[in-house]
Amino acid sequence: MATIKLKPKAKKGVIKVKAIVKHPMETGLRKDKKGNLIPANHIDHLTITHNGTKVVDADIGAAVSKDPYFQFQVAGAKGDEITLAYKDNNGGSGSATATSK
């Protein structure tokens, strides 16, 4: 399970959201020092909601870097709730919720 850092900040009717998902994002094509393939382990799907309404629904592939950083904006105000949830190709999942400041 990955760690998620989620920071929503409201200003003038817009919430700017910054998120980092600590995840290895392995493609399954890289080899370790002994020459063995490192198994694939990457985020497949990402969903972001604003006060319970889905605003981002993205399919993500193995080509995204380790510990991906996401930034986006959504109309909203201070006190609104932002939730980021993900699923990876190994059946793992995680989510985080934060209130905009």
PDB file of N, CA and C in Angstrom:
ATOM      1  N   MET A   1       0.843  -1.180   0.000  1.00  0.00           N
ATOM      2  CA  MET A   1       0.000   0.000   0.000  1.00  0.00           C
ATOM      3  C   MET A   1       0.886   1.241   0.000  1.00  0.00           C
ATOM      4  N   ALA A   2       0.517   2.198  -0.799  1.00  0.00           N
ATOM      5  CA  ALA A   2       1.289   3.426  -0.942  1.00  0.00           C
ATOM      6  C   ALA A   2       0.832   4.485   0.055  1.00  0.00           C
ATOM      7  N   THR A   3       1.721   5.424   0.310  1.00  0.00           N
ATOM      8  CA  THR A   3       1.403   6.569   1.148  1.00  0.00           C
ATOM      9  C   THR A   3       0.979   7.713   0.233  1.00  0.00           C
ATOM     10  N   ILE A   4      -0.055   8.432   0.611  1.00  0.00           N
ATOM     11  CA  ILE A   4      -0.561   9.538  -0.205  1.00  0.00           C
ATOM     12  C   ILE A   4      -0.460  10.830   0.592  1.00  0.00           C
ATOM     13  N   LYS A   5       0.162  11.843  -0.006  1.00  0.00           N
ATOM     14  CA  LYS A   5       0.179  13.183   0.571  1.00  0.00           C
ATOM     15  C   LYS A   5      -0.738  14.037  -0.293  1.00  0.00           C
ATOM     16  N   LEU A   6      -1.766  14.608   0.327  1.00  0.00           N
ATOM     17  CA  LEU A   6      -2.789  15.359  -0.392  1.00  0.00           C
ATOM     18  C   LEU A   6      -2.921  16.736   0.235  1.00  0.00           C
ATOM     19  N   LYS A   7      -2.712  17.794  -0.570  1.00  0.00           N
ATOM     20  CA  LYS A   7      -2.781  19.156  -0.053  1.00  0.00           C
ATOM     21  C   LYS A   7      -3.690  20.022  -0.933  1.00  0.00           C
ATOM     22  N   PRO A   8      -4.968  20.165  -0.552  1.00  0.00           N
ATOM     23  CA  PRO A   8      -5.851  21.082  -1.265  1.00  0.00           C
ATOM     24  C   PRO A   8      -5.827  22.477  -0.626  1.00  0.00           C
ATOM     25  N   LYS A   9      -5.744  23.507  -1.455  1.00  0.00           N
ATOM     26  CA  LYS A   9      -5.697  24.881  -0.951  1.00  0.00           C
ATOM     27  C   LYS A   9      -6.656  25.740  -1.778  1.00  0.00           C
ATOM     28  N   ALA A  10      -7.624  26.370  -1.096  1.00  0.00           N
ATOM     29  CA  ALA A  10      -8.638  27.178  -1.762  1.00  0.00           C
ATOM     30  C   ALA A  10      -8.224  28.642  -1.826  1.00  0.00           C
ATOM     31  N   LYS A  11      -8.509  29.256  -2.981  1.00  0.00           N
ATOM     32  CA  LYS A  11      -8.235  30.680  -3.164  1.00  0.00           C
ATOM     33  C   LYS A  11      -9.127  31.212  -4.290  1.00  0.00           C
ATOM     34  N   LYS A  12      -9.917  32.218  -3.984  1.00  0.00           N
ATOM     35  CA  LYS A  12     -10.778  32.883  -4.963  1.00  0.00           C
ATOM     36  C   LYS A  12     -11.673  31.911  -5.738  1.00  0.00           C
ATOM     37  N   GLY A  13     -12.303  30.976  -5.034  1.00  0.00           N
ATOM     38  CA  GLY A  13     -13.262  30.070  -5.658  1.00  0.00           C
ATOM     39  C   GLY A  13     -12.652  28.890  -6.399  1.00  0.00           C
ATOM     40  N   VAL A  14     -11.343  28.707  -6.282  1.00  0.00           N
ATOM     41  CA  VAL A  14     -10.664  27.589  -6.942  1.00  0.00           C
ATOM     42  C   VAL A  14      -9.821  26.839  -5.912  1.00  0.00           C
ATOM     43  N   ILE A  15      -9.907  25.522  -5.937  1.00  0.00           N
ATOM     44  CA  ILE A  15      -9.078  24.700  -5.060  1.00  0.00           C
ATOM     45  C   ILE A  15      -7.939  24.135  -5.906  1.00  0.00           C
ATOM     46  N   LYS A  16      -6.717  24.437  -5.506  1.00  0.00           N
ATOM     47  CA  LYS A  16      -5.540  23.877  -6.157  1.00  0.00           C
ATOM     48  C   LYS A  16      -5.118  22.673  -5.327  1.00  0.00           C
ATOM     49  N   VAL A  17      -5.080  21.512  -5.959  1.00  0.00           N
ATOM     50  CA  VAL A  17      -4.765  20.276  -5.255  1.00  0.00           C
ATOM     51  C   VAL A  17      -3.406  19.766  -5.717  1.00  0.00           C
ATOM     52  N   LYS A  18      -2.545  19.473  -4.749  1.00  0.00           N
ATOM     53  CA  LYS A  18      -1.245  18.861  -5.013  1.00  0.00           C
ATOM     54  C   LYS A  18      -1.247  17.515  -4.310  1.00  0.00           C
ATOM     55  N   ALA A  19      -0.827  16.466  -5.033  1.00  0.00           N
ATOM     56  CA  ALA A  19      -0.831  15.121  -4.447  1.00  0.00           C
ATOM     57  C   ALA A  19       0.404  14.351  -4.880  1.00  0.00           C
ATOM     58  N   ILE A  20       1.000  13.644  -3.933  1.00  0.00           N
ATOM     59  CA  ILE A  20       2.100  12.732  -4.217  1.00  0.00           C
ATOM     60  C   ILE A  20       1.675  11.356  -3.720  1.00  0.00           C
ATOM     61  N   VAL A  21       1.810  10.361  -4.591  1.00  0.00           N
ATOM     62  CA  VAL A  21       1.510   8.981  -4.219  1.00  0.00           C
ATOM     63  C   VAL A  21       2.839   8.229  -4.168  1.00  0.00           C
ATOM     64  N   LYS A  22       3.263   7.841  -2.976  1.00  0.00           N
ATOM     65  CA  LYS A  22       4.517   7.103  -2.814  1.00  0.00           C
ATOM     66  C   LYS A  22       4.287   5.661  -3.256  1.00  0.00           C
ATOM     67  N   HIS A  23       4.706   5.347  -4.486  1.00  0.00           N
ATOM     68  CA  HIS A  23       4.469   4.032  -5.084  1.00  0.00           C
ATOM     69  C   HIS A  23       5.649   3.694  -5.988  1.00  0.00           C
ATOM     70  N   PRO A  24       6.116   2.430  -6.008  1.00  0.00           N
ATOM     71  CA  PRO A  24       7.309   2.087  -6.792  1.00  0.00           C
ATOM     72  C   PRO A  24       7.150   2.214  -8.304  1.00  0.00           C
ATOM     73  N   MET A  25       5.962   2.041  -8.841  1.00  0.00           N
ATOM     74  CA  MET A  25       5.691   2.194 -10.269  1.00  0.00           C
ATOM     75  C   MET A  25       6.674   1.393 -11.135  1.00  0.00           C
ATOM     76  N   GLU A  26       6.810   0.123 -10.853  1.00  0.00           N
ATOM     77  CA  GLU A  26       7.681  -0.755 -11.634  1.00  0.00           C
ATOM     78  C   GLU A  26       6.947  -1.260 -12.882  1.00  0.00           C
ATOM     79  N   THR A  27       7.630  -1.237 -14.018  1.00  0.00           N
ATOM     80  CA  THR A  27       7.029  -1.646 -15.298  1.00  0.00           C
ATOM     81  C   THR A  27       7.016  -3.153 -15.500  1.00  0.00           C
ATOM     82  N   GLY A  28       7.912  -3.862 -14.830  1.00  0.00           N
ATOM     83  CA  GLY A  28       8.064  -5.287 -15.062  1.00  0.00           C
ATOM     84  C   GLY A  28       9.133  -5.577 -16.105  1.00  0.00           C
ATOM     85  N   LEU A  29       9.776  -4.534 -16.622  1.00  0.00           N
ATOM     86  CA  LEU A  29      10.805  -4.676 -17.658  1.00  0.00           C
ATOM     87  C   LEU A  29      12.210  -4.421 -17.131  1.00  0.00           C
ATOM     88  N   ARG A  30      12.320  -3.829 -15.953  1.00  0.00           N
ATOM     89  CA  ARG A  30      13.628  -3.520 -15.374  1.00  0.00           C
ATOM     90  C   ARG A  30      14.205  -4.736 -14.663  1.00  0.00           C
ATOM     91  N   LYS A  31      15.530  -4.795 -14.602  1.00  0.00           N
ATOM     92  CA  LYS A  31      16.193  -5.901 -13.920  1.00  0.00           C
ATOM     93  C   LYS A  31      16.925  -5.394 -12.682  1.00  0.00           C
ATOM     94  N   ASP A  32      17.044  -6.279 -11.683  1.00  0.00           N
ATOM     95  CA  ASP A  32      17.817  -5.937 -10.490  1.00  0.00           C
ATOM     96  C   ASP A  32      19.306  -6.174 -10.767  1.00  0.00           C
ATOM     97  N   LYS A  33      20.150  -5.991  -9.761  1.00  0.00           N
ATOM     98  CA  LYS A  33      21.600  -6.126  -9.933  1.00  0.00           C
ATOM     99  C   LYS A  33      22.030  -7.543 -10.312  1.00  0.00           C
ATOM    100  N   LYS A  34      21.205  -8.543  -9.994  1.00  0.00           N
ATOM    101  CA  LYS A  34      21.526  -9.932 -10.322  1.00  0.00           C
ATOM    102  C   LYS A  34      21.012 -10.339 -11.703  1.00  0.00           C
ATOM    103  N   GLY A  35      20.321  -9.423 -12.374  1.00  0.00           N
ATOM    104  CA  GLY A  35      19.800  -9.717 -13.714  1.00  0.00           C
ATOM    105  C   GLY A  35      18.394 -10.278 -13.737  1.00  0.00           C
ATOM    106  N   ASN A  36      17.741 -10.344 -12.585  1.00  0.00           N
ATOM    107  CA  ASN A  36      16.367 -10.848 -12.513  1.00  0.00           C
ATOM    108  C   ASN A  36      15.378  -9.716 -12.780  1.00  0.00           C
ATOM    109  N   LEU A  37      14.306 -10.035 -13.485  1.00  0.00           N
ATOM    110  CA  LEU A  37      13.270  -9.032 -13.739  1.00  0.00           C
ATOM    111  C   LEU A  37      12.582  -8.644 -12.438  1.00  0.00           C
ATOM    112  N   ILE A  38      12.361  -7.345 -12.265  1.00  0.00           N
ATOM    113  CA  ILE A  38      11.600  -6.846 -11.120  1.00  0.00           C
ATOM    114  C   ILE A  38      10.130  -6.912 -11.521  1.00  0.00           C
ATOM    115  N   PRO A  39       9.276  -7.580 -10.735  1.00  0.00           N
ATOM    116  CA  PRO A  39       7.864  -7.735 -11.106  1.00  0.00           C
ATOM    117  C   PRO A  39       7.142  -6.389 -11.270  1.00  0.00           C
ATOM    118  N   ALA A  40       6.199  -6.369 -12.187  1.00  0.00           N
ATOM    119  CA  ALA A  40       5.396  -5.163 -12.424  1.00  0.00           C
ATOM    120  C   ALA A  40       4.611  -4.809 -11.169  1.00  0.00           C
ATOM    121  N   ASN A  41       4.588  -3.519 -10.852  1.00  0.00           N
ATOM    122  CA  ASN A  41       3.838  -2.999  -9.709  1.00  0.00           C
ATOM    123  C   ASN A  41       3.606  -1.519  -9.969  1.00  0.00           C
ATOM    124  N   HIS A  42       2.457  -1.201 -10.553  1.00  0.00           N
ATOM    125  CA  HIS A  42       2.173   0.185 -10.904  1.00  0.00           C
ATOM    126  C   HIS A  42       0.696   0.510 -10.729  1.00  0.00           C
ATOM    127  N   ILE A  43       0.407   1.783 -10.593  1.00  0.00           N
ATOM    128  CA  ILE A  43      -0.972   2.256 -10.449  1.00  0.00           C
ATOM    129  C   ILE A  43      -1.676   2.121 -11.793  1.00  0.00           C
ATOM    130  N   ASP A  44      -2.852   1.504 -11.762  1.00  0.00           N
ATOM    131  CA  ASP A  44      -3.666   1.339 -12.971  1.00  0.00           C
ATOM    132  C   ASP A  44      -4.772   2.386 -13.070  1.00  0.00           C
ATOM    133  N   HIS A  45      -5.336   2.742 -11.918  1.00  0.00           N
ATOM    134  CA  HIS A  45      -6.516   3.618 -11.954  1.00  0.00           C
ATOM    135  C   HIS A  45      -6.460   4.630 -10.806  1.00  0.00           C
ATOM    136  N   LEU A  46      -6.831   5.864 -11.111  1.00  0.00           N
ATOM    137  CA  LEU A  46      -6.825   6.952 -10.135  1.00  0.00           C
ATOM    138  C   LEU A  46      -8.169   7.671 -10.196  1.00  0.00           C
ATOM    139  N   THR A  47      -8.776   7.900  -9.035  1.00  0.00           N
ATOM    140  CA  THR A  47     -10.051   8.605  -8.960  1.00  0.00           C
ATOM    141  C   THR A  47      -9.927   9.713  -7.924  1.00  0.00           C
ATOM    142  N   ILE A  48     -10.429  10.892  -8.283  1.00  0.00           N
ATOM    143  CA  ILE A  48     -10.432  12.013  -7.351  1.00  0.00           C
ATOM    144  C   ILE A  48     -11.856  12.555  -7.268  1.00  0.00           C
ATOM    145  N   THR A  49     -12.314  12.758  -6.021  1.00  0.00           N
ATOM    146  CA  THR A  49     -13.655  13.310  -5.821  1.00  0.00           C
ATOM    147  C   THR A  49     -13.577  14.617  -5.054  1.00  0.00           C
ATOM    148  N   HIS A  50     -14.544  15.476  -5.330  1.00  0.00           N
ATOM    149  CA  HIS A  50     -14.696  16.765  -4.648  1.00  0.00           C
ATOM    150  C   HIS A  50     -16.069  16.761  -4.007  1.00  0.00           C
ATOM    151  N   ASN A  51     -16.106  16.743  -2.677  1.00  0.00           N
ATOM    152  CA  ASN A  51     -17.369  16.656  -1.923  1.00  0.00           C
ATOM    153  C   ASN A  51     -18.237  15.498  -2.411  1.00  0.00           C
ATOM    154  N   GLY A  52     -17.605  14.363  -2.727  1.00  0.00           N
ATOM    155  CA  GLY A  52     -18.337  13.169  -3.147  1.00  0.00           C
ATOM    156  C   GLY A  52     -18.624  13.073  -4.630  1.00  0.00           C
ATOM    157  N   THR A  53     -18.342  14.120  -5.395  1.00  0.00           N
ATOM    158  CA  THR A  53     -18.568  14.113  -6.838  1.00  0.00           C
ATOM    159  C   THR A  53     -17.256  13.842  -7.554  1.00  0.00           C
ATOM    160  N   LYS A  54     -17.261  12.837  -8.441  1.00  0.00           N
ATOM    161  CA  LYS A  54     -16.059  12.470  -9.157  1.00  0.00           C
ATOM    162  C   LYS A  54     -15.649  13.576 -10.127  1.00  0.00           C
ATOM    163  N   VAL A  55     -14.388  14.049 -10.007  1.00  0.00           N
ATOM    164  CA  VAL A  55     -13.876  15.093 -10.895  1.00  0.00           C
ATOM    165  C   VAL A  55     -12.732  14.591 -11.773  1.00  0.00           C
ATOM    166  N   VAL A  56     -12.074  13.513 -11.356  1.00  0.00           N
ATOM    167  CA  VAL A  56     -11.014  12.897 -12.153  1.00  0.00           C
ATOM    168  C   VAL A  56     -11.208  11.388 -12.098  1.00  0.00           C
ATOM    169  N   ASP A  57     -11.162  10.752 -13.261  1.00  0.00           N
ATOM    170  CA  ASP A  57     -11.270   9.304 -13.374  1.00  0.00           C
ATOM    171  C   ASP A  57     -10.259   8.898 -14.439  1.00  0.00           C
ATOM    172  N   ALA A  58      -9.049   8.517 -14.017  1.00  0.00           N
ATOM    173  CA  ALA A  58      -7.950   8.340 -14.962  1.00  0.00           C
ATOM    174  C   ALA A  58      -7.389   6.924 -14.935  1.00  0.00           C
ATOM    175  N   ASP A  59      -7.119   6.400 -16.129  1.00  0.00           N
ATOM    176  CA  ASP A  59      -6.371   5.153 -16.264  1.00  0.00           C
ATOM    177  C   ASP A  59      -4.907   5.534 -16.393  1.00  0.00           C
ATOM    178  N   ILE A  60      -4.081   4.960 -15.536  1.00  0.00           N
ATOM    179  CA  ILE A  60      -2.660   5.284 -15.501  1.00  0.00           C
ATOM    180  C   ILE A  60      -1.904   4.021 -15.868  1.00  0.00           C
ATOM    181  N   GLY A  61      -0.817   4.163 -16.583  1.00  0.00           N
ATOM    182  CA  GLY A  61      -0.048   2.994 -16.998  1.00  0.00           C
ATOM    183  C   GLY A  61       1.307   2.919 -16.324  1.00  0.00           C
ATOM    184  N   ALA A  62       2.083   1.960 -16.773  1.00  0.00           N
ATOM    185  CA  ALA A  62       3.396   1.690 -16.204  1.00  0.00           C
ATOM    186  C   ALA A  62       4.422   2.751 -16.565  1.00  0.00           C
ATOM    187  N   ALA A  63       4.129   3.613 -17.510  1.00  0.00           N
ATOM    188  CA  ALA A  63       5.098   4.605 -17.973  1.00  0.00           C
ATOM    189  C   ALA A  63       5.220   5.814 -17.047  1.00  0.00           C
ATOM    190  N   VAL A  64       4.447   5.864 -15.987  1.00  0.00           N
ATOM    191  CA  VAL A  64       4.509   6.972 -15.038  1.00  0.00           C
ATOM    192  C   VAL A  64       5.650   6.709 -14.050  1.00  0.00           C
ATOM    193  N   SER A  65       6.358   7.773 -13.668  1.00  0.00           N
ATOM    194  CA  SER A  65       7.538   7.641 -12.815  1.00  0.00           C
ATOM    195  C   SER A  65       7.195   7.190 -11.391  1.00  0.00           C
ATOM    196  N   LYS A  66       8.235   6.746 -10.687  1.00  0.00           N
ATOM    197  CA  LYS A  66       8.121   6.362  -9.283  1.00  0.00           C
ATOM    198  C   LYS A  66       7.619   7.561  -8.475  1.00  0.00           C
ATOM    199  N   ASP A  67       6.788   7.302  -7.468  1.00  0.00           N
ATOM    200  CA  ASP A  67       6.220   8.343  -6.603  1.00  0.00           C
ATOM    201  C   ASP A  67       5.599   9.476  -7.419  1.00  0.00           C
ATOM    202  N   PRO A  68       4.569   9.170  -8.212  1.00  0.00           N
ATOM    203  CA  PRO A  68       4.001  10.191  -9.103  1.00  0.00           C
ATOM    204  C   PRO A  68       3.400  11.384  -8.353  1.00  0.00           C
ATOM    205  N   TYR A  69       3.547  12.547  -8.980  1.00  0.00           N
ATOM    206  CA  TYR A  69       3.025  13.814  -8.466  1.00  0.00           C
ATOM    207  C   TYR A  69       1.891  14.252  -9.375  1.00  0.00           C
ATOM    208  N   PHE A  70       0.758  14.568  -8.798  1.00  0.00           N
ATOM    209  CA  PHE A  70      -0.402  15.039  -9.560  1.00  0.00           C
ATOM    210  C   PHE A  70      -0.803  16.412  -9.037  1.00  0.00           C
ATOM    211  N   GLN A  71      -1.163  17.303  -9.955  1.00  0.00           N
ATOM    212  CA  GLN A  71      -1.638  18.631  -9.571  1.00  0.00           C
ATOM    213  C   GLN A  71      -2.806  18.987 -10.480  1.00  0.00           C
ATOM    214  N   PHE A  72      -3.861  19.514  -9.895  1.00  0.00           N
ATOM    215  CA  PHE A  72      -5.023  19.922 -10.680  1.00  0.00           C
ATOM    216  C   PHE A  72      -5.796  20.977  -9.897  1.00  0.00           C
ATOM    217  N   GLN A  73      -6.762  21.595 -10.570  1.00  0.00           N
ATOM    218  CA  GLN A  73      -7.612  22.610  -9.947  1.00  0.00           C
ATOM    219  C   GLN A  73      -9.064  22.240 -10.157  1.00  0.00           C
ATOM    220  N   VAL A  74      -9.876  22.602  -9.180  1.00  0.00           N
ATOM    221  CA  VAL A  74     -11.305  22.365  -9.251  1.00  0.00           C
ATOM    222  C   VAL A  74     -12.007  23.546  -8.562  1.00  0.00           C
ATOM    223  N   ALA A  75     -13.167  23.922  -9.090  1.00  0.00           N
ATOM    224  CA  ALA A  75     -13.931  25.007  -8.471  1.00  0.00           C
ATOM    225  C   ALA A  75     -14.390  24.564  -7.083  1.00  0.00           C
ATOM    226  N   GLY A  76     -14.205  25.428  -6.098  1.00  0.00           N
ATOM    227  CA  GLY A  76     -14.608  25.078  -4.742  1.00  0.00           C
ATOM    228  C   GLY A  76     -14.186  26.140  -3.745  1.00  0.00           C
ATOM    229  N   ALA A  77     -14.365  25.818  -2.475  1.00  0.00           N
ATOM    230  CA  ALA A  77     -14.090  26.789  -1.417  1.00  0.00           C
ATOM    231  C   ALA A  77     -13.397  26.123  -0.241  1.00  0.00           C
ATOM    232  N   LYS A  78     -12.961  26.952   0.686  1.00  0.00           N
ATOM    233  CA  LYS A  78     -12.339  26.483   1.919  1.00  0.00           C
ATOM    234  C   LYS A  78     -13.309  25.553   2.639  1.00  0.00           C
ATOM    235  N   GLY A  79     -12.799  24.428   3.140  1.00  0.00           N
ATOM    236  CA  GLY A  79     -13.644  23.473   3.862  1.00  0.00           C
ATOM    237  C   GLY A  79     -14.188  22.350   2.997  1.00  0.00           C
ATOM    238  N   ASP A  80     -14.018  22.430   1.676  1.00  0.00           N
ATOM    239  CA  ASP A  80     -14.473  21.355   0.796  1.00  0.00           C
ATOM    240  C   ASP A  80     -13.575  20.129   0.968  1.00  0.00           C
ATOM    241  N   GLU A  81     -14.135  18.961   0.713  1.00  0.00           N
ATOM    242  CA  GLU A  81     -13.411  17.708   0.909  1.00  0.00           C
ATOM    243  C   GLU A  81     -12.929  17.125  -0.422  1.00  0.00           C
ATOM    244  N   ILE A  82     -11.645  16.791  -0.482  1.00  0.00           N
ATOM    245  CA  ILE A  82     -11.039  16.186  -1.668  1.00  0.00           C
ATOM    246  C   ILE A  82     -10.556  14.784  -1.282  1.00  0.00           C
ATOM    247  N   THR A  83     -10.893  13.784  -2.100  1.00  0.00           N
ATOM    248  CA  THR A  83     -10.468  12.409  -1.857  1.00  0.00           C
ATOM    249  C   THR A  83      -9.759  11.874  -3.092  1.00  0.00           C
ATOM    250  N   LEU A  84      -8.598  11.274  -2.889  1.00  0.00           N
ATOM    251  CA  LEU A  84      -7.850  10.620  -3.960  1.00  0.00           C
ATOM    252  C   LEU A  84      -7.804   9.134  -3.639  1.00  0.00           C
ATOM    253  N   ALA A  85      -8.165   8.300  -4.608  1.00  0.00           N
ATOM    254  CA  ALA A  85      -8.118   6.845  -4.433  1.00  0.00           C
ATOM    255  C   ALA A  85      -7.431   6.230  -5.639  1.00  0.00           C
ATOM    256  N   TYR A  86      -6.681   5.146  -5.405  1.00  0.00           N
ATOM    257  CA  TYR A  86      -6.000   4.476  -6.507  1.00  0.00           C
ATOM    258  C   TYR A  86      -6.141   2.963  -6.370  1.00  0.00           C
ATOM    259  N   LYS A  87      -5.929   2.259  -7.497  1.00  0.00           N
ATOM    260  CA  LYS A  87      -5.831   0.796  -7.529  1.00  0.00           C
ATOM    261  C   LYS A  87      -4.609   0.466  -8.361  1.00  0.00           C
ATOM    262  N   ASP A  88      -3.836  -0.542  -7.921  1.00  0.00           N
ATOM    263  CA  ASP A  88      -2.671  -0.922  -8.718  1.00  0.00           C
ATOM    264  C   ASP A  88      -2.877  -2.289  -9.372  1.00  0.00           C
ATOM    265  N   ASN A  89      -1.934  -2.677 -10.226  1.00  0.00           N
ATOM    266  CA  ASN A  89      -2.081  -3.899 -11.007  1.00  0.00           C
ATOM    267  C   ASN A  89      -1.957  -5.170 -10.164  1.00  0.00           C
ATOM    268  N   ASN A  90      -1.529  -5.079  -8.919  1.00  0.00           N
ATOM    269  CA  ASN A  90      -1.416  -6.233  -8.037  1.00  0.00           C
ATOM    270  C   ASN A  90      -2.604  -6.368  -7.093  1.00  0.00           C
ATOM    271  N   GLY A  91      -3.636  -5.580  -7.308  1.00  0.00           N
ATOM    272  CA  GLY A  91      -4.823  -5.635  -6.455  1.00  0.00           C
ATOM    273  C   GLY A  91      -4.754  -4.731  -5.249  1.00  0.00           C
ATOM    274  N   GLY A  92      -3.644  -4.004  -5.099  1.00  0.00           N
ATOM    275  CA  GLY A  92      -3.523  -3.062  -3.992  1.00  0.00           C
ATOM    276  C   GLY A  92      -4.335  -1.808  -4.245  1.00  0.00           C
ATOM    277  N   SER A  93      -4.705  -1.146  -3.184  1.00  0.00           N
ATOM    278  CA  SER A  93      -5.454   0.110  -3.324  1.00  0.00           C
ATOM    279  C   SER A  93      -5.186   0.983  -2.107  1.00  0.00           C
ATOM    280  N   GLY A  94      -5.551   2.230  -2.238  1.00  0.00           N
ATOM    281  CA  GLY A  94      -5.400   3.160  -1.132  1.00  0.00           C
ATOM    282  C   GLY A  94      -6.176   4.427  -1.408  1.00  0.00           C
ATOM    283  N   SER A  95      -6.371   5.209  -0.368  1.00  0.00           N
ATOM    284  CA  SER A  95      -7.060   6.483  -0.543  1.00  0.00           C
ATOM    285  C   SER A  95      -6.667   7.428   0.578  1.00  0.00           C
ATOM    286  N   ALA A  96      -6.890   8.708   0.307  1.00  0.00           N
ATOM    287  CA  ALA A  96      -6.643   9.738   1.301  1.00  0.00           C
ATOM    288  C   ALA A  96      -7.694  10.828   1.088  1.00  0.00           C
ATOM    289  N   THR A  97      -8.095  11.442   2.182  1.00  0.00           N
ATOM    290  CA  THR A  97      -9.063  12.530   2.130  1.00  0.00           C
ATOM    291  C   THR A  97      -8.486  13.723   2.888  1.00  0.00           C
ATOM    292  N   ALA A  98      -8.677  14.917   2.324  1.00  0.00           N
ATOM    293  CA  ALA A  98      -8.214  16.136   2.985  1.00  0.00           C
ATOM    294  C   ALA A  98      -9.239  17.239   2.771  1.00  0.00           C
ATOM    295  N   THR A  99      -9.290  18.155   3.715  1.00  0.00           N
ATOM    296  CA  THR A  99     -10.182  19.306   3.631  1.00  0.00           C
ATOM    297  C   THR A  99      -9.365  20.500   3.144  1.00  0.00           C
ATOM    298  N   SER A 100      -9.922  21.234   2.188  1.00  0.00           N
ATOM    299  CA  SER A 100      -9.194  22.382   1.649  1.00  0.00           C
ATOM    300  C   SER A 100      -9.066  23.480   2.689  1.00  0.00           C
ATOM    301  N   LYS A 101      -7.918  24.115   2.682  1.00  0.00           N
ATOM    302  CA  LYS A 101      -7.614  25.193   3.643  1.00  0.00           C
ATOM    303  C   LYS A 101      -7.692  26.530   2.962  1.00  0.00           C
TER     304      LYS A 101
END
